[in-house]
Amino acid sequence: MRPLPYPTEDEGSGPVDQAEGLRRLFASGRRQRLVPIAFNAHVDCTPILLERLAGAFTELGAHALVVDAADCAPRANAMAEIDLAAAIESLGPNMSYLAARGLPLRHVNSRGSCEAWLNAVETAAPQADVLLLHANARDLVRLLGRREVRTVLTTTLDPASLTDAYTSMKLLSQRSGLMTFDLLTGMAGAPKAAQRIAERLAETADSFLGTVVREAVWLDKRDPLTAPATPALARLAANQLLDPEAPDTGFGLAPLSAGHDVHAY
């Protein structure tokens, strides 16, 4: 599997069981799932987090399409305006990539929505079981409308990245009505600090926005991209693929809050 084409400038056997169940769901022809990921300008390891997350979905048996419309993404191929399917680049048997920087804004209608463009992407990629939509929070608002999804926020140990993640959460909760989020933190050998970051964001979000951080995962950005998903990352991916209206299967964590005993993953 080739890396994402960016510009040069002790949880037991749960994830294995989830993977088997999700493979059966895919085999039965289940519909695509959309996983929004809010771009964070202060996260210097964004490509690593995106690829590790996409890899977690492929380990579960899904074909993952990364739709990269963030400010840090490569410019969209001119072909994307003519034939979206032809602009999708294969990165391996179960992963593909669409460079889409600037495309959502080119397809905004008179009501400020570009949901139709997202629908076109989904149609152009019937092979994709999961679409990872990476975009600025303001573009996610235009793209998602009132879809029932759980956005993944990203941070590092940099306080500015925490502020950025909170700002994205506030915008999405107030304008799209999204009230639950997941969190991916990139770090280098400091899991306790990453845990504090997660707890701080969860406490602030609950107190001031009424929103919930559902899953919090921290990844060491020094690990190889080919490393298997950690149990926590596999669980996050599996829970993202479940129908949000379905009853709790017991796969997930209790909502994260300050003081919650979270293990280092």
Protein backbone atom coordinates (compact mmCIF):
# COMPACT_ATOMS: atom_id res chain seq x y z
CA MET A 1 0.00 0.00 0.00
CA ARG A 2 1.42 3.34 -1.01
CA PRO A 3 1.23 6.28 1.44
CA LEU A 4 -1.36 9.00 1.03
CA PRO A 5 -0.15 11.45 -1.66
CA TYR A 6 0.48 14.56 0.41
CA PRO A 7 2.50 17.49 -0.92
CA THR A 8 6.19 17.56 0.09
CA GLU A 9 5.94 21.25 1.39
CA ASP A 10 -4.77 -4.88 26.35
CA GLU A 11 -8.25 -4.71 25.23
CA GLY A 12 -8.52 -8.47 24.59
CA SER A 13 -9.94 -9.93 21.37
CA GLY A 14 -12.75 -7.39 20.86
CA PRO A 15 -11.50 -5.88 17.60
CA VAL A 16 -11.10 -9.36 16.05
CA ASP A 17 -14.70 -10.21 16.89
CA GLN A 18 -15.87 -6.88 15.51
CA ALA A 19 -13.95 -7.43 12.29
CA GLU A 20 -15.67 -10.76 11.70
CA GLY A 21 -19.08 -9.23 12.25
CA LEU A 22 -18.35 -6.32 9.95
CA ARG A 23 -17.09 -8.62 7.20
CA ARG A 24 -20.46 -10.34 7.28
CA LEU A 25 -22.17 -6.95 7.05
CA PHE A 26 -20.10 -5.98 4.02
CA ALA A 27 -20.79 -9.35 2.36
CA SER A 28 -24.51 -8.75 2.75
CA GLY A 29 -24.30 -5.53 0.73
CA ARG A 30 -24.64 -2.93 3.48
CA ARG A 31 -24.61 0.72 2.44
CA GLN A 32 -21.63 3.04 2.50
CA ARG A 33 -20.66 4.72 5.75
CA LEU A 34 -19.39 8.29 5.93
CA VAL A 35 -16.73 9.25 8.49
CA PRO A 36 -16.06 13.02 8.61
CA ILE A 37 -12.64 14.14 9.87
CA ALA A 38 -12.24 17.80 10.83
CA PHE A 39 -9.04 19.37 9.54
CA ASN A 40 -6.82 20.83 12.27
CA ALA A 41 -4.21 23.33 11.08
CA HIS A 42 -2.06 22.70 14.17
CA VAL A 43 -1.66 18.94 13.68
CA ASP A 44 1.67 18.28 11.99
CA CYS A 45 1.06 14.55 11.61
CA THR A 46 -2.25 14.69 9.75
CA PRO A 47 -1.18 12.32 6.92
CA ILE A 48 -0.07 9.74 9.50
CA LEU A 49 -3.35 9.91 11.43
CA LEU A 50 -5.40 9.70 8.23
CA GLU A 51 -3.50 6.71 6.94
CA ARG A 52 -3.59 4.87 10.27
CA LEU A 53 -7.34 5.44 10.50
CA ALA A 54 -7.93 4.33 6.91
CA GLY A 55 -5.78 1.28 7.57
CA ALA A 56 -7.93 0.37 10.57
CA PHE A 57 -10.98 0.24 8.32
CA THR A 58 -9.23 -1.95 5.77
CA GLU A 59 -8.21 -4.36 8.55
CA LEU A 60 -11.92 -4.73 9.30
CA GLY A 61 -12.53 -5.83 5.72
CA ALA A 62 -13.70 -2.47 4.35
CA HIS A 63 -12.59 -0.64 1.24
CA ALA A 64 -11.68 2.86 2.45
CA LEU A 65 -11.80 5.94 0.24
CA VAL A 66 -10.08 9.04 1.64
CA VAL A 67 -11.76 12.15 0.24
CA ASP A 68 -9.26 14.87 1.08
CA ALA A 69 -10.74 18.35 0.79
CA ALA A 70 -8.77 20.03 3.59
CA ASP A 71 -6.52 23.07 3.23
CA CYS A 72 -3.44 20.82 3.50
CA ALA A 73 -4.56 18.41 0.77
CA PRO A 74 -3.14 18.26 -2.76
CA ARG A 75 -4.97 20.35 -5.34
CA ALA A 76 -7.79 18.52 -7.04
CA ASN A 77 -7.05 16.91 -10.39
CA ALA A 78 -8.75 18.76 -13.25
CA MET A 79 -10.36 15.43 -14.16
CA ALA A 80 -12.42 15.62 -10.97
CA GLU A 81 -14.64 18.29 -12.56
CA ILE A 82 -15.37 16.03 -15.53
CA ASP A 83 -15.25 12.47 -14.23
CA LEU A 84 -15.02 11.96 -10.47
CA ALA A 85 -14.49 8.23 -10.75
CA ALA A 86 -11.46 8.73 -13.01
CA ALA A 87 -9.91 11.13 -10.46
CA ILE A 88 -9.94 8.53 -7.68
CA GLU A 89 -6.47 7.07 -7.20
CA SER A 90 -5.96 3.50 -6.03
CA LEU A 91 -3.49 3.10 -3.16
CA GLY A 92 -3.87 -0.66 -2.89
CA PRO A 93 -6.51 -3.39 -3.04
CA ASN A 94 -8.64 -1.87 -0.26
CA MET A 95 -7.74 1.82 -0.16
CA SER A 96 -8.20 4.72 -2.55
CA TYR A 97 -7.75 8.47 -2.46
CA LEU A 98 -9.42 11.52 -3.98
CA ALA A 99 -7.55 14.83 -3.83
CA ALA A 100 -10.37 17.34 -3.45
CA ARG A 101 -8.95 20.60 -2.12
CA GLY A 102 -11.24 23.43 -3.25
CA LEU A 103 -13.92 21.19 -4.79
CA PRO A 104 -16.65 21.60 -2.14
CA LEU A 105 -16.67 25.40 -2.53
CA ARG A 106 -16.97 25.07 -6.30
CA HIS A 107 -20.23 23.18 -5.86
CA VAL A 108 -22.05 25.30 -3.27
CA ASN A 109 -25.67 25.96 -4.21
CA SER A 110 -27.76 29.07 -3.52
CA ARG A 111 -28.49 27.84 0.01
CA GLY A 112 -24.84 27.37 0.88
CA SER A 113 -24.93 23.57 0.62
CA CYS A 114 -22.63 21.25 -1.32
CA GLU A 115 -24.33 18.01 -0.29
CA ALA A 116 -25.00 17.23 -3.94
CA TRP A 117 -21.26 17.05 -4.61
CA LEU A 118 -20.79 14.61 -1.73
CA ASN A 119 -23.62 12.49 -3.12
CA ALA A 120 -21.81 12.49 -6.47
CA VAL A 121 -18.61 11.27 -4.81
CA GLU A 122 -20.48 8.42 -3.14
CA THR A 123 -22.01 7.42 -6.47
CA ALA A 124 -18.62 7.60 -8.21
CA ALA A 125 -17.09 5.18 -5.70
CA PRO A 126 -19.41 2.17 -5.41
CA GLN A 127 -16.42 0.04 -4.36
CA ALA A 128 -15.96 2.09 -1.18
CA ASP A 129 -17.50 0.74 2.01
CA VAL A 130 -16.40 3.76 4.01
CA LEU A 131 -15.65 7.32 2.90
CA LEU A 132 -13.26 9.26 5.12
CA LEU A 133 -14.16 12.88 4.41
CA HIS A 134 -11.33 15.17 5.54
CA ALA A 135 -12.27 18.86 5.37
CA ASN A 136 -12.34 22.11 7.32
CA ALA A 137 -15.21 22.25 9.79
CA ARG A 138 -16.92 25.04 7.84
CA ASP A 139 -16.85 22.87 4.70
CA LEU A 140 -18.09 19.85 6.65
CA VAL A 141 -21.14 21.91 7.66
CA ARG A 142 -21.86 22.59 3.96
CA LEU A 143 -21.24 18.96 2.98
CA LEU A 144 -23.01 17.07 5.75
CA GLY A 145 -26.28 18.93 6.10
CA ARG A 146 -28.21 17.02 8.77
CA ARG A 147 -26.61 13.61 8.28
CA GLU A 148 -26.34 11.40 11.34
CA VAL A 149 -22.57 10.98 11.61
CA ARG A 150 -19.86 11.16 14.26
CA THR A 151 -17.00 13.47 13.31
CA VAL A 152 -13.42 12.53 14.16
CA LEU A 153 -11.40 15.40 15.64
CA THR A 154 -7.59 15.43 15.57
CA THR A 155 -5.08 16.95 17.97
CA THR A 156 -1.46 16.77 19.06
CA LEU A 157 -0.02 17.78 22.44
CA ASP A 158 0.14 21.39 21.20
CA PRO A 159 -2.44 23.50 23.10
CA ALA A 160 -3.25 25.34 19.87
CA SER A 161 -4.42 22.08 18.34
CA LEU A 162 -6.77 21.53 21.28
CA THR A 163 -8.28 24.97 20.73
CA ASP A 164 -8.72 24.22 17.02
CA ALA A 165 -10.43 20.90 17.77
CA TYR A 166 -12.81 22.60 20.21
CA THR A 167 -13.62 25.30 17.66
CA SER A 168 -14.49 22.63 15.06
CA MET A 169 -16.67 20.83 17.58
CA LYS A 170 -18.50 24.04 18.43
CA LEU A 171 -19.18 24.89 14.79
CA LEU A 172 -20.43 21.40 13.94
CA SER A 173 -22.62 21.15 17.02
CA GLN A 174 -24.22 24.56 16.53
CA ARG A 175 -24.69 24.45 12.77
CA SER A 176 -25.12 20.74 11.99
CA GLY A 177 -26.55 19.53 15.29
CA LEU A 178 -23.76 16.97 15.79
CA MET A 179 -23.31 16.18 19.46
CA THR A 180 -20.95 13.17 19.62
CA PHE A 181 -17.36 13.07 18.42
CA ASP A 182 -14.30 10.84 18.34
CA LEU A 183 -10.77 12.07 18.99
CA LEU A 184 -7.44 11.02 17.44
CA THR A 185 -4.30 12.43 19.05
CA GLY A 186 -0.86 12.17 17.48
CA MET A 187 1.99 12.08 19.98
CA ALA A 188 5.55 10.81 20.43
CA GLY A 189 5.92 8.63 23.50
CA ALA A 190 3.69 10.66 25.82
CA PRO A 191 0.45 8.71 26.32
CA LYS A 192 -0.31 10.25 29.72
CA ALA A 193 -0.13 13.75 28.22
CA ALA A 194 -2.38 12.62 25.37
CA GLN A 195 -4.84 11.24 27.91
CA ARG A 196 -4.92 14.60 29.69
CA ILE A 197 -5.58 16.34 26.36
CA ALA A 198 -8.53 14.01 25.72
CA GLU A 199 -9.97 14.48 29.19
CA ARG A 200 -9.60 18.25 29.02
CA LEU A 201 -11.41 18.43 25.67
CA ALA A 202 -14.14 16.08 26.89
CA GLU A 203 -14.73 18.09 30.08
CA THR A 204 -14.81 21.45 28.25
CA ALA A 205 -17.10 20.11 25.52
CA ASP A 206 -19.54 18.66 28.02
CA SER A 207 -19.58 21.80 30.18
CA PHE A 208 -19.92 24.44 27.47
CA LEU A 209 -21.41 22.70 24.43
CA GLY A 210 -23.22 19.68 25.82
CA THR A 211 -21.26 17.51 23.39
CA VAL A 212 -19.63 14.15 24.09
CA VAL A 213 -16.24 12.69 23.16
CA ARG A 214 -17.20 9.07 22.53
CA GLU A 215 -13.86 7.44 21.68
CA ALA A 216 -10.40 8.86 22.42
CA VAL A 217 -7.36 7.26 20.81
CA TRP A 218 -3.75 8.37 20.81
CA LEU A 219 -1.20 7.10 18.32
CA ASP A 220 2.57 7.35 18.37
CA LYS A 221 3.42 9.14 15.14
CA ARG A 222 6.81 7.39 15.09
CA ASP A 223 5.21 3.98 14.54
CA PRO A 224 5.34 2.62 10.98
CA LEU A 225 2.30 3.24 8.82
CA THR A 226 2.08 -0.50 8.24
CA ALA A 227 1.72 -1.24 11.95
CA PRO A 228 -1.54 -3.04 12.80
CA ALA A 229 -4.28 -0.92 14.33
CA THR A 230 -4.17 -0.71 18.10
CA PRO A 231 -7.17 -2.27 19.90
CA ALA A 232 -8.53 1.21 20.63
CA LEU A 233 -8.18 2.36 17.01
CA ALA A 234 -9.81 -0.85 15.76
CA ARG A 235 -12.72 -0.25 18.14
CA LEU A 236 -13.11 3.35 16.99
CA ALA A 237 -13.24 2.19 13.36
CA ALA A 238 -15.70 -0.60 14.12
CA ASN A 239 -18.06 1.68 16.03
CA GLN A 240 -17.95 4.24 13.22
CA LEU A 241 -19.25 1.58 10.84
CA LEU A 242 -22.24 0.68 12.98
CA ASP A 243 -25.60 2.25 12.21
CA PRO A 244 -25.97 5.28 14.53
CA GLU A 245 -29.62 4.35 15.06
CA ALA A 246 -28.81 0.75 16.02
CA PRO A 247 -28.87 -0.31 19.69
CA ASP A 248 -25.59 -0.44 21.60
CA THR A 249 -23.72 -3.66 20.79
CA GLY A 250 -21.33 -3.35 23.71
CA PHE A 251 -18.35 -2.69 21.45
CA GLY A 252 -17.93 0.93 22.47
CA LEU A 253 -16.45 2.79 25.41
CA ALA A 254 -18.52 4.66 27.90
CA PRO A 255 -18.55 8.35 26.93
CA LEU A 256 -15.26 9.94 27.93
CA SER A 257 -15.33 12.50 30.72
CA ALA A 258 -12.86 14.14 33.06
CA GLY A 259 -11.44 11.62 35.45
CA HIS A 260 -12.45 8.68 33.24
CA ASP A 261 -9.91 5.86 33.58
CA VAL A 262 -8.62 5.66 30.03
CA HIS A 263 -5.77 3.31 29.22
CA ALA A 264 -2.85 4.28 26.98
CA TYR A 265 -3.28 2.65 23.60
